C-alpha atoms as a PDB file:
ATOM      1  CA  MET A   1    -307.751  -9.656  -7.839  1.00  0.00           C
ATOM      2  CA  ALA A   2    -304.130 -10.953  -8.688  1.00  0.00           C
ATOM      3  CA  PHE A   3    -303.480 -12.815  -6.052  1.00  0.00           C
ATOM      4  CA  LYS A   4    -303.310 -16.821  -6.005  1.00  0.00           C
ATOM      5  CA  PRO A   5    -303.153 -18.685  -3.241  1.00  0.00           C
ATOM      6  CA  LEU A   6    -300.625 -21.670  -2.862  1.00  0.00           C
ATOM      7  CA  HIS A   7    -300.919 -25.741  -2.471  1.00  0.00           C
ATOM      8  CA  ASP A   8    -303.973 -25.996   0.091  1.00  0.00           C
ATOM      9  CA  ARG A   9    -304.835 -22.436   1.069  1.00  0.00           C
ATOM     10  CA  VAL A  10    -307.896 -20.207   0.471  1.00  0.00           C
ATOM     11  CA  LEU A  11    -308.363 -16.528   0.091  1.00  0.00           C
ATOM     12  CA  VAL A  12    -311.993 -15.530   2.576  1.00  0.00           C
ATOM     13  CA  ARG A  13    -313.673 -12.445   2.486  1.00  0.00           C
ATOM     14  CA  ARG A  14    -315.547 -12.720   5.557  1.00  0.00           C
ATOM     15  CA  VAL A  15    -319.282 -11.809   5.300  1.00  0.00           C
ATOM     16  CA  GLU A  16    -320.662  -9.521   7.508  1.00  0.00           C
ATOM     17  CA  GLY A  17    -323.245 -10.445  10.382  1.00  0.00           C
ATOM     18  CA  ASP A  18    -326.381  -9.151  11.463  1.00  0.00           C
ATOM     19  CA  GLU A  19    -326.535  -5.912  12.736  1.00  0.00           C
ATOM     20  CA  LYS A  20    -329.627  -6.093  14.823  1.00  0.00           C
ATOM     21  CA  THR A  21    -330.620  -9.270  17.455  1.00  0.00           C
ATOM     22  CA  LYS A  22    -333.825 -10.911  16.933  1.00  0.00           C
ATOM     23  CA  GLY A  23    -335.571  -8.805  19.062  1.00  0.00           C
ATOM     24  CA  GLY A  24    -334.848  -5.433  16.939  1.00  0.00           C
ATOM     25  CA  LEU A  25    -331.917  -4.565  19.116  1.00  0.00           C
ATOM     26  CA  ILE A  26    -329.120  -2.761  17.313  1.00  0.00           C
ATOM     27  CA  ILE A  27    -325.379  -4.150  17.939  1.00  0.00           C
ATOM     28  CA  PRO A  28    -322.955  -1.796  17.903  1.00  0.00           C
ATOM     29  CA  ASP A  29    -319.861  -2.289  16.115  1.00  0.00           C
ATOM     30  CA  SER A  30    -317.879  -2.620  19.686  1.00  0.00           C
ATOM     31  CA  ALA A  31    -319.858  -5.634  20.213  1.00  0.00           C
ATOM     32  CA  LYS A  32    -319.929  -7.051  17.558  1.00  0.00           C
ATOM     33  CA  GLU A  33    -318.013 -10.206  17.319  1.00  0.00           C
ATOM     34  CA  LYS A  34    -316.324 -10.920  13.981  1.00  0.00           C
ATOM     35  CA  PRO A  35    -318.277 -13.728  11.902  1.00  0.00           C
ATOM     36  CA  ALA A  36    -316.812 -16.829  11.656  1.00  0.00           C
ATOM     37  CA  GLU A  37    -318.534 -17.233   8.076  1.00  0.00           C
ATOM     38  CA  GLY A  38    -316.880 -16.248   4.803  1.00  0.00           C
ATOM     39  CA  GLU A  39    -316.931 -16.620   0.818  1.00  0.00           C
ATOM     40  CA  ILE A  40    -314.200 -18.436  -1.280  1.00  0.00           C
ATOM     41  CA  ILE A  41    -312.303 -15.668  -3.471  1.00  0.00           C
ATOM     42  CA  ALA A  42    -309.408 -18.016  -4.482  1.00  0.00           C
ATOM     43  CA  CYS A  43    -307.887 -21.534  -3.714  1.00  0.00           C
ATOM     44  CA  GLY A  44    -304.794 -23.088  -4.364  1.00  0.00           C
ATOM     45  CA  GLU A  45    -304.318 -26.301  -6.831  1.00  0.00           C
ATOM     46  CA  GLY A  46    -304.296 -28.701  -3.534  1.00  0.00           C
ATOM     47  CA  ALA A  47    -302.067 -30.363  -1.123  1.00  0.00           C
ATOM     48  CA  ARG A  48    -299.613 -32.937  -2.310  1.00  0.00           C
ATOM     49  CA  LYS A  49    -299.468 -36.612  -0.774  1.00  0.00           C
ATOM     50  CA  ASP A  50    -295.605 -37.700   0.044  1.00  0.00           C
ATOM     51  CA  SER A  51    -295.754 -39.454  -3.097  1.00  0.00           C
ATOM     52  CA  GLY A  52    -296.353 -36.121  -4.891  1.00  0.00           C
ATOM     53  CA  GLU A  53    -299.908 -36.922  -6.210  1.00  0.00           C
ATOM     54  CA  LEU A  54    -302.184 -33.830  -6.001  1.00  0.00           C
ATOM     55  CA  ILE A  55    -305.271 -33.720  -3.697  1.00  0.00           C
ATOM     56  CA  GLU A  56    -307.532 -31.564  -5.099  1.00  0.00           C
ATOM     57  CA  MET A  57    -309.270 -29.190  -3.148  1.00  0.00           C
ATOM     58  CA  SER A  58    -313.385 -29.570  -1.774  1.00  0.00           C
ATOM     59  CA  VAL A  59    -314.058 -25.470  -1.667  1.00  0.00           C
ATOM     60  CA  LYS A  60    -314.055 -23.354  -4.809  1.00  0.00           C
ATOM     61  CA  PRO A  61    -314.706 -19.907  -5.512  1.00  0.00           C
ATOM     62  CA  GLY A  62    -317.421 -18.425  -4.502  1.00  0.00           C
ATOM     63  CA  ASP A  63    -318.716 -21.355  -1.808  1.00  0.00           C
ATOM     64  CA  ARG A  64    -319.533 -20.080   1.947  1.00  0.00           C
ATOM     65  CA  VAL A  65    -317.986 -21.521   4.242  1.00  0.00           C
ATOM     66  CA  LEU A  66    -317.526 -21.723   8.374  1.00  0.00           C
ATOM     67  CA  PHE A  67    -314.604 -21.550   9.753  1.00  0.00           C
ATOM     68  CA  GLY A  68    -313.124 -21.335  13.259  1.00  0.00           C
ATOM     69  CA  LYS A  69    -312.825 -18.025  15.171  1.00  0.00           C
ATOM     70  CA  TRP A  70    -309.083 -17.929  15.652  1.00  0.00           C
ATOM     71  CA  SER A  71    -308.746 -19.489  11.733  1.00  0.00           C
ATOM     72  CA  GLY A  72    -306.751 -17.908   9.134  1.00  0.00           C
ATOM     73  CA  THR A  73    -304.220 -14.843   8.645  1.00  0.00           C
ATOM     74  CA  GLU A  74    -305.631 -11.265   7.982  1.00  0.00           C
ATOM     75  CA  VAL A  75    -304.446  -9.671   5.034  1.00  0.00           C
ATOM     76  CA  ASN A  76    -305.307  -6.331   3.135  1.00  0.00           C
ATOM     77  CA  LEU A  77    -305.332  -6.660  -0.789  1.00  0.00           C
ATOM     78  CA  GLU A  78    -306.339  -4.287  -2.640  1.00  0.00           C
ATOM     79  CA  GLY A  79    -308.052  -1.789   0.246  1.00  0.00           C
ATOM     80  CA  GLU A  80    -309.622  -4.983   1.470  1.00  0.00           C
ATOM     81  CA  GLU A  81    -309.443  -6.915   4.429  1.00  0.00           C
ATOM     82  CA  LEU A  82    -309.456 -10.642   3.388  1.00  0.00           C
ATOM     83  CA  LEU A  83    -308.121 -14.069   5.384  1.00  0.00           C
ATOM     84  CA  ILE A  84    -305.825 -16.612   3.959  1.00  0.00           C
ATOM     85  CA  MET A  85    -306.545 -20.382   5.613  1.00  0.00           C
ATOM     86  CA  LYS A  86    -305.653 -23.736   4.791  1.00  0.00           C
ATOM     87  CA  GLU A  87    -308.161 -26.042   3.873  1.00  0.00           C
ATOM     88  CA  SER A  88    -308.600 -27.553   6.735  1.00  0.00           C
ATOM     89  CA  ASP A  89    -308.860 -24.716   8.858  1.00  0.00           C
ATOM     90  CA  ILE A  90    -312.216 -24.562   7.197  1.00  0.00           C
ATOM     91  CA  LEU A  91    -315.538 -26.537   9.049  1.00  0.00           C
ATOM     92  CA  GLY A  92    -318.009 -27.338   6.540  1.00  0.00           C
ATOM     93  CA  ILE A  93    -319.367 -25.407   2.970  1.00  0.00           C
ATOM     94  CA  ILE A  94    -322.922 -23.840   4.370  1.00  0.00           C
ATOM     95  CA  GLU A  95    -326.064 -25.214   1.652  1.00  0.00           C
ATOM     96  CA  GLY A  96    -327.059 -23.633  -0.694  1.00  0.00           C
ATOM     97  CA  SER A  97    -323.952 -21.312  -1.532  1.00  0.00           C
ATOM     98  CA  ALA A  98    -323.512 -21.000  -5.244  1.00  0.00           C
ATOM     99  CA  ALA A  99    -321.052 -24.038  -5.914  1.00  0.00           C
ATOM    100  CA  ALA A 100    -323.107 -26.342  -3.665  1.00  0.00           C
ATOM    101  CA  SER A 101    -326.541 -25.496  -5.734  1.00  0.00           C
ATOM    102  CA  LYS A 102    -324.630 -26.338  -9.010  1.00  0.00           C
ATOM    103  CA  ALA A 103    -323.604 -29.250  -7.417  1.00  0.00           C
ATOM    104  CA  ALA A 104    -327.378 -30.348  -6.487  1.00  0.00           C
END
Protein backbone atom coordinates (compact mmCIF):
# COMPACT_ATOMS: atom_id res chain seq x y z
CA MET A 1 0.00 0.00 0.00
CA ALA A 2 1.39 3.39 -0.95
CA PHE A 3 0.28 5.35 2.14
CA LYS A 4 2.40 6.39 5.11
CA PRO A 5 0.78 8.24 8.02
CA LEU A 6 2.55 11.34 9.31
CA HIS A 7 3.77 12.14 12.82
CA ASP A 8 1.97 10.13 15.54
CA ARG A 9 -0.81 8.74 13.32
CA VAL A 10 -1.48 5.10 12.47
CA LEU A 11 -3.42 3.33 9.72
CA VAL A 12 -5.69 0.60 11.12
CA ARG A 13 -7.72 -2.19 9.51
CA ARG A 14 -10.74 -3.16 11.61
CA VAL A 15 -10.91 -6.80 12.68
CA GLU A 16 -14.37 -8.21 12.03
CA GLY A 17 -16.23 -9.45 15.09
CA ASP A 18 -18.04 -12.73 15.62
CA GLU A 19 -21.06 -13.44 13.44
CA LYS A 20 -22.68 -15.60 16.14
CA THR A 21 -23.45 -15.11 19.81
CA LYS A 22 -22.07 -17.52 22.42
CA GLY A 23 -25.47 -19.25 22.33
CA GLY A 24 -25.17 -19.82 18.58
CA LEU A 25 -27.55 -17.13 17.32
CA ILE A 26 -26.49 -15.46 14.07
CA ILE A 27 -26.15 -11.67 14.32
CA PRO A 28 -27.53 -9.84 11.26
CA ASP A 29 -25.40 -7.08 9.70
CA SER A 30 -27.95 -4.44 10.71
CA ALA A 31 -27.48 -5.31 14.40
CA LYS A 32 -23.67 -5.45 14.40
CA GLU A 33 -21.58 -2.69 15.87
CA LYS A 34 -18.35 -1.73 14.19
CA PRO A 35 -15.55 -3.49 16.06
CA ALA A 36 -13.22 -1.42 18.22
CA GLU A 37 -10.37 -3.81 17.50
CA GLY A 38 -7.97 -3.65 14.61
CA GLU A 39 -4.57 -4.38 13.13
CA ILE A 40 -1.96 -1.68 12.59
CA ILE A 41 -1.14 -1.47 8.88
CA ALA A 42 1.27 1.48 8.89
CA CYS A 43 2.71 3.98 11.39
CA GLY A 44 4.14 7.46 11.22
CA GLU A 45 7.58 8.19 12.64
CA GLY A 46 6.22 9.52 15.94
CA ALA A 47 5.43 12.82 17.62
CA ARG A 48 8.03 15.46 18.41
CA LYS A 49 8.68 17.27 21.67
CA ASP A 50 8.94 21.07 21.71
CA SER A 51 12.72 20.61 21.57
CA GLY A 52 12.33 18.69 18.28
CA GLU A 53 13.29 15.34 19.84
CA LEU A 54 11.39 12.39 18.33
CA ILE A 55 9.07 10.37 20.57
CA GLU A 56 9.02 6.85 19.11
CA MET A 57 5.73 5.07 18.46
CA SER A 58 4.64 2.38 20.94
CA VAL A 59 2.90 0.34 18.23
CA LYS A 60 4.22 -1.33 15.09
CA PRO A 61 2.63 -2.70 11.92
CA GLY A 62 1.09 -6.09 12.72
CA ASP A 63 0.03 -5.19 16.30
CA ARG A 64 -3.61 -5.89 17.21
CA VAL A 65 -5.02 -2.99 19.16
CA LEU A 66 -8.17 -1.79 20.89
CA PHE A 67 -9.38 1.74 20.27
CA GLY A 68 -12.28 3.95 21.31
CA LYS A 69 -15.66 3.53 19.65
CA TRP A 70 -15.53 6.96 18.00
CA SER A 71 -11.78 7.03 17.33
CA GLY A 72 -10.19 7.81 14.01
CA THR A 73 -11.27 8.97 10.60
CA GLU A 74 -12.62 6.44 8.12
CA VAL A 75 -10.89 6.48 4.73
CA ASN A 76 -11.19 4.34 1.63
CA LEU A 77 -7.78 3.36 0.24
CA GLU A 78 -7.50 1.03 -2.76
CA GLY A 79 -11.11 -0.10 -2.20
CA GLU A 80 -10.55 -1.00 1.46
CA GLU A 81 -12.19 0.81 4.39
CA LEU A 82 -9.50 1.76 6.92
CA LEU A 83 -9.07 4.14 9.86
CA ILE A 84 -6.47 6.82 10.44
CA MET A 85 -6.06 7.78 14.09
CA LYS A 86 -3.57 9.28 16.48
CA GLU A 87 -1.56 6.88 18.60
CA SER A 88 -3.17 8.42 21.69
CA ASP A 89 -6.59 7.10 20.50
CA ILE A 90 -5.31 3.54 20.93
CA LEU A 91 -6.31 2.07 24.29
CA GLY A 92 -3.87 -0.84 24.27
CA ILE A 93 -2.13 -3.64 22.41
CA ILE A 94 -3.74 -7.09 22.55
CA GLU A 95 -1.22 -9.63 23.81
CA GLY A 96 -0.59 -12.48 21.43
CA SER A 97 -0.48 -10.17 18.42
CA ALA A 98 2.37 -10.57 15.93
CA ALA A 99 4.61 -7.83 17.34
CA ALA A 100 3.78 -8.57 20.98
CA SER A 101 4.78 -12.23 20.58
CA LYS A 102 8.12 -11.20 19.00
CA ALA A 103 8.90 -8.97 21.98
CA ALA A 104 8.13 -11.69 24.53
